Amino acid sequence: KRVWAVVGDSEEAQDVMDHLMDSGKTVFQVGQDDGAHCASVADLNKDPNMPKCEVLAFVEGEGTSVADAMDDAVRLGIKGIVLHPDVFAFGPRASKCCEDVGMPFHGADILSDVTFGDQ
């Protein structure tokens, strides 16, 4: 099963995290909330005792948040990016920065598109 990191501090991000965990995923939160596992994408995968994050899910962000995290995502070996609720919500900059580095990305409403047993 894939290990996900959800980037965002909104109530929607919390709902996405809960849904992913209910779907059997290991999930970390990246954000400024008190309960977040780390403050930035750069801080992921630092603890060798924790599973390595493979998927980044950006929730209700903007293209700049994806662009700002891209170098770290590549360095960390992230396998793909999910833009929730869809690619259009993040504007063309998000998809362009993923394409520029060859990072697979998908737009998805995680709350309805991800179910138990999905990768």
C-alpha atoms as a PDB file:
ATOM      1  CA  LYS A   1       0.000   0.000   0.000  1.00  0.00           C
ATOM      2  CA  ARG A   2       1.182   3.493  -0.774  1.00  0.00           C
ATOM      3  CA  VAL A   3       2.228   5.992   1.867  1.00  0.00           C
ATOM      4  CA  TRP A   4       0.592   9.375   1.336  1.00  0.00           C
ATOM      5  CA  ALA A   5       1.355  12.873   2.570  1.00  0.00           C
ATOM      6  CA  VAL A   6      -1.498  15.375   2.526  1.00  0.00           C
ATOM      7  CA  VAL A   7      -0.353  18.973   2.097  1.00  0.00           C
ATOM      8  CA  GLY A   8      -2.764  21.458   3.639  1.00  0.00           C
ATOM      9  CA  ASP A   9      -4.261  22.740   6.865  1.00  0.00           C
ATOM     10  CA  SER A  10      -7.927  23.151   5.953  1.00  0.00           C
ATOM     11  CA  GLU A  11     -10.880  21.161   7.218  1.00  0.00           C
ATOM     12  CA  GLU A  12     -11.001  19.616   3.743  1.00  0.00           C
ATOM     13  CA  ALA A  13      -7.400  18.404   4.190  1.00  0.00           C
ATOM     14  CA  GLN A  14      -8.443  16.756   7.461  1.00  0.00           C
ATOM     15  CA  ASP A  15     -11.376  15.087   5.699  1.00  0.00           C
ATOM     16  CA  VAL A  16      -9.028  13.822   2.968  1.00  0.00           C
ATOM     17  CA  MET A  17      -6.602  12.435   5.567  1.00  0.00           C
ATOM     18  CA  ASP A  18      -9.412  10.683   7.432  1.00  0.00           C
ATOM     19  CA  HIS A  19     -10.741   9.195   4.181  1.00  0.00           C
ATOM     20  CA  LEU A  20      -7.317   7.919   3.149  1.00  0.00           C
ATOM     21  CA  MET A  21      -6.755   6.329   6.562  1.00  0.00           C
ATOM     22  CA  ASP A  22     -10.232   4.764   6.417  1.00  0.00           C
ATOM     23  CA  SER A  23      -9.186   3.390   3.011  1.00  0.00           C
ATOM     24  CA  GLY A  24      -6.219   1.627   4.586  1.00  0.00           C
ATOM     25  CA  LYS A  25      -3.508   4.119   3.655  1.00  0.00           C
ATOM     26  CA  THR A  26      -0.630   5.313   5.803  1.00  0.00           C
ATOM     27  CA  VAL A  27      -0.970   9.103   5.859  1.00  0.00           C
ATOM     28  CA  PHE A  28       1.138  12.013   7.077  1.00  0.00           C
ATOM     29  CA  GLN A  29       0.053  15.652   7.224  1.00  0.00           C
ATOM     30  CA  VAL A  30       2.291  18.421   5.938  1.00  0.00           C
ATOM     31  CA  GLY A  31       1.264  21.828   7.205  1.00  0.00           C
ATOM     32  CA  GLN A  32       1.225  24.337  10.006  1.00  0.00           C
ATOM     33  CA  ASP A  33      -1.488  22.692  12.152  1.00  0.00           C
ATOM     34  CA  ASP A  34      -0.436  21.548  15.623  1.00  0.00           C
ATOM     35  CA  GLY A  35      -1.074  17.921  14.667  1.00  0.00           C
ATOM     36  CA  ALA A  36       0.909  18.015  11.408  1.00  0.00           C
ATOM     37  CA  HIS A  37       3.718  15.491  11.105  1.00  0.00           C
ATOM     38  CA  CYS A  38       5.979  18.048   9.438  1.00  0.00           C
ATOM     39  CA  ALA A  39       5.854  21.690   8.382  1.00  0.00           C
ATOM     40  CA  SER A  40       7.065  21.265   4.796  1.00  0.00           C
ATOM     41  CA  VAL A  41       7.531  18.651   2.097  1.00  0.00           C
ATOM     42  CA  ALA A  42      11.296  19.013   2.636  1.00  0.00           C
ATOM     43  CA  ASP A  43      10.848  17.511   6.111  1.00  0.00           C
ATOM     44  CA  LEU A  44       9.254  14.277   4.876  1.00  0.00           C
ATOM     45  CA  ASN A  45      11.208  11.002   5.041  1.00  0.00           C
ATOM     46  CA  LYS A  46      13.733  12.343   7.572  1.00  0.00           C
ATOM     47  CA  ASP A  47      12.943   9.724  10.216  1.00  0.00           C
ATOM     48  CA  PRO A  48      14.437   6.380   9.121  1.00  0.00           C
ATOM     49  CA  ASN A  49      11.972   4.555  11.404  1.00  0.00           C
ATOM     50  CA  MET A  50       8.952   5.892   9.511  1.00  0.00           C
ATOM     51  CA  PRO A  51       7.671   4.591   6.164  1.00  0.00           C
ATOM     52  CA  LYS A  52       8.790   6.588   3.131  1.00  0.00           C
ATOM     53  CA  CYS A  53       6.177   8.828   1.550  1.00  0.00           C
ATOM     54  CA  GLU A  54       5.334   7.911  -2.043  1.00  0.00           C
ATOM     55  CA  VAL A  55       2.367  10.118  -2.962  1.00  0.00           C
ATOM     56  CA  LEU A  56       1.821  13.827  -2.272  1.00  0.00           C
ATOM     57  CA  ALA A  57      -1.773  15.029  -2.198  1.00  0.00           C
ATOM     58  CA  PHE A  58      -2.248  18.795  -2.383  1.00  0.00           C
ATOM     59  CA  VAL A  59      -5.619  19.913  -1.011  1.00  0.00           C
ATOM     60  CA  GLU A  60      -7.243  23.224  -1.946  1.00  0.00           C
ATOM     61  CA  GLY A  61      -3.963  24.865  -2.745  1.00  0.00           C
ATOM     62  CA  GLU A  62      -2.656  26.813  -5.651  1.00  0.00           C
ATOM     63  CA  GLY A  63      -0.060  26.214  -8.313  1.00  0.00           C
ATOM     64  CA  THR A  64       2.636  27.952  -6.314  1.00  0.00           C
ATOM     65  CA  SER A  65       2.333  25.454  -3.449  1.00  0.00           C
ATOM     66  CA  VAL A  66       2.967  22.590  -5.877  1.00  0.00           C
ATOM     67  CA  ALA A  67       5.807  24.451  -7.598  1.00  0.00           C
ATOM     68  CA  ASP A  68       7.434  25.288  -4.265  1.00  0.00           C
ATOM     69  CA  ALA A  69       7.435  21.615  -3.248  1.00  0.00           C
ATOM     70  CA  MET A  70       8.562  20.107  -6.556  1.00  0.00           C
ATOM     71  CA  ASP A  71      12.344  20.098  -5.986  1.00  0.00           C
ATOM     72  CA  ASP A  72      11.830  18.376  -2.633  1.00  0.00           C
ATOM     73  CA  ALA A  73       9.374  15.903  -4.152  1.00  0.00           C
ATOM     74  CA  VAL A  74      11.927  14.895  -6.780  1.00  0.00           C
ATOM     75  CA  ARG A  75      14.742  14.692  -4.205  1.00  0.00           C
ATOM     76  CA  LEU A  76      12.607  12.473  -1.960  1.00  0.00           C
ATOM     77  CA  GLY A  77      11.705  10.107  -4.785  1.00  0.00           C
ATOM     78  CA  ILE A  78       7.971  10.837  -4.622  1.00  0.00           C
ATOM     79  CA  LYS A  79       6.215   8.616  -7.170  1.00  0.00           C
ATOM     80  CA  GLY A  80       3.306  10.933  -7.960  1.00  0.00           C
ATOM     81  CA  ILE A  81       1.225  13.985  -7.122  1.00  0.00           C
ATOM     82  CA  VAL A  82      -2.541  14.132  -6.618  1.00  0.00           C
ATOM     83  CA  LEU A  83      -4.287  17.482  -6.926  1.00  0.00           C
ATOM     84  CA  HIS A  84      -7.561  17.554  -4.974  1.00  0.00           C
ATOM     85  CA  PRO A  85     -10.275  18.199  -6.001  1.00  0.00           C
ATOM     86  CA  ASP A  86      -8.943  18.475  -9.583  1.00  0.00           C
ATOM     87  CA  VAL A  87      -6.085  19.826 -11.702  1.00  0.00           C
ATOM     88  CA  PHE A  88      -8.029  22.947 -12.687  1.00  0.00           C
ATOM     89  CA  ALA A  89      -8.310  24.116  -9.074  1.00  0.00           C
ATOM     90  CA  PHE A  90      -4.519  24.599  -9.007  1.00  0.00           C
ATOM     91  CA  GLY A  91      -4.148  26.421 -12.327  1.00  0.00           C
ATOM     92  CA  PRO A  92      -1.732  25.682 -15.160  1.00  0.00           C
ATOM     93  CA  ARG A  93       1.410  26.300 -13.097  1.00  0.00           C
ATOM     94  CA  ALA A  94       0.906  23.121 -11.043  1.00  0.00           C
ATOM     95  CA  SER A  95       0.642  20.803 -14.035  1.00  0.00           C
ATOM     96  CA  LYS A  96       3.485  22.559 -15.873  1.00  0.00           C
ATOM     97  CA  CYS A  97       5.933  22.192 -12.979  1.00  0.00           C
ATOM     98  CA  CYS A  98       5.062  18.480 -12.717  1.00  0.00           C
ATOM     99  CA  GLU A  99       5.508  18.001 -16.459  1.00  0.00           C
ATOM    100  CA  ASP A 100       8.816  19.902 -16.432  1.00  0.00           C
ATOM    101  CA  VAL A 101      10.412  17.365 -14.073  1.00  0.00           C
ATOM    102  CA  GLY A 102       8.567  14.294 -15.362  1.00  0.00           C
ATOM    103  CA  MET A 103       6.522  13.875 -12.173  1.00  0.00           C
ATOM    104  CA  PRO A 104       3.305  11.907 -12.719  1.00  0.00           C
ATOM    105  CA  PHE A 105       0.269  13.866 -11.532  1.00  0.00           C
ATOM    106  CA  HIS A 106      -3.484  13.402 -11.454  1.00  0.00           C
ATOM    107  CA  GLY A 107      -6.453  15.463 -10.518  1.00  0.00           C
ATOM    108  CA  ALA A 108      -8.872  13.561  -8.320  1.00  0.00           C
ATOM    109  CA  ASP A 109     -11.598  14.094  -5.795  1.00  0.00           C
ATOM    110  CA  ILE A 110      -9.901  11.869  -3.235  1.00  0.00           C
ATOM    111  CA  LEU A 111     -13.069  11.676  -1.134  1.00  0.00           C
ATOM    112  CA  SER A 112     -14.920   9.891  -3.930  1.00  0.00           C
ATOM    113  CA  ASP A 113     -12.175   8.486  -6.183  1.00  0.00           C
ATOM    114  CA  VAL A 114     -10.008   6.649  -3.624  1.00  0.00           C
ATOM    115  CA  THR A 115     -11.483   3.546  -2.031  1.00  0.00           C
ATOM    116  CA  PHE A 116     -10.284   0.792   0.250  1.00  0.00           C
ATOM    117  CA  GLY A 117      -7.706  -1.374  -1.491  1.00  0.00           C
ATOM    118  CA  ASP A 118      -6.676   1.245  -4.077  1.00  0.00           C
ATOM    119  CA  GLN A 119      -3.004   2.048  -4.244  1.00  0.00           C
END
